Amino acid sequence: MRTIKFLLLKFVIIVFCFLFINIATSNENLVNPELKRNRELWRNNNICSYKMTLEITESSVMYLGLPHVAIQIRNGIFAEIETIPKTDKGGIIQERYEKYFTIEKLFDFVEFKIEEEKQQYINSDVNRRGKITGGLTVSYNFKLGYPEKIDFAPYHTAIHGDLRIIVKSFENMSVEYNCK
């Protein structure tokens, strides 16, 4: 009788583990279908040269009031930066925000923040009690797929606060620069 109970318990544990692993794996595969779909749309449009104007605002006191940034990408590589209106802050802005200066880098940022948020949420005692504080919101261009607006509010309050990146204008220049 004990052997049957033991085998039954072992069977239940194996089935539970299998279901748990299967659910976790399927959730991993569906991490963010919207991000995946829009990144694929962007890549399928085969745009390698473009000009975009970014508005980057950060609630950190040190970075309030930054000008917009016009960025030019040629054959997938950062080529030029200009502040609007023109200021001498171009070098500071380039150093601080160059991680957002291509559409691919914007996608990478969104993907990184999704993963970071998941880990912070999983590891947070506050969020285990059901209180969600912070988040990431992304709006994508419906035709080309690139992130048009990224709003990020961290789960924790720190020196670096909310971050907003808006693509104010976008011009496809792939034909002019004969993409490779």
Foldseek 3Di string as FASTA:
>chain_A
DVVVVVVVVVVVVVVVVVVVVVVVVVCVVPLDVLLVVLVVLQVVVVFQWKKWKKDKAWPQPVGPPFFIKIWTGALNHTDDIAGVVGDPCGVVCCVVPVCVRDLVSVSVVVVVVSVVQVVCLVPDPVCVVPDFDWDWDFDADPNNRGTQKIWTADRDDDSTGIMIMGGPDMGRCCVVRVHD
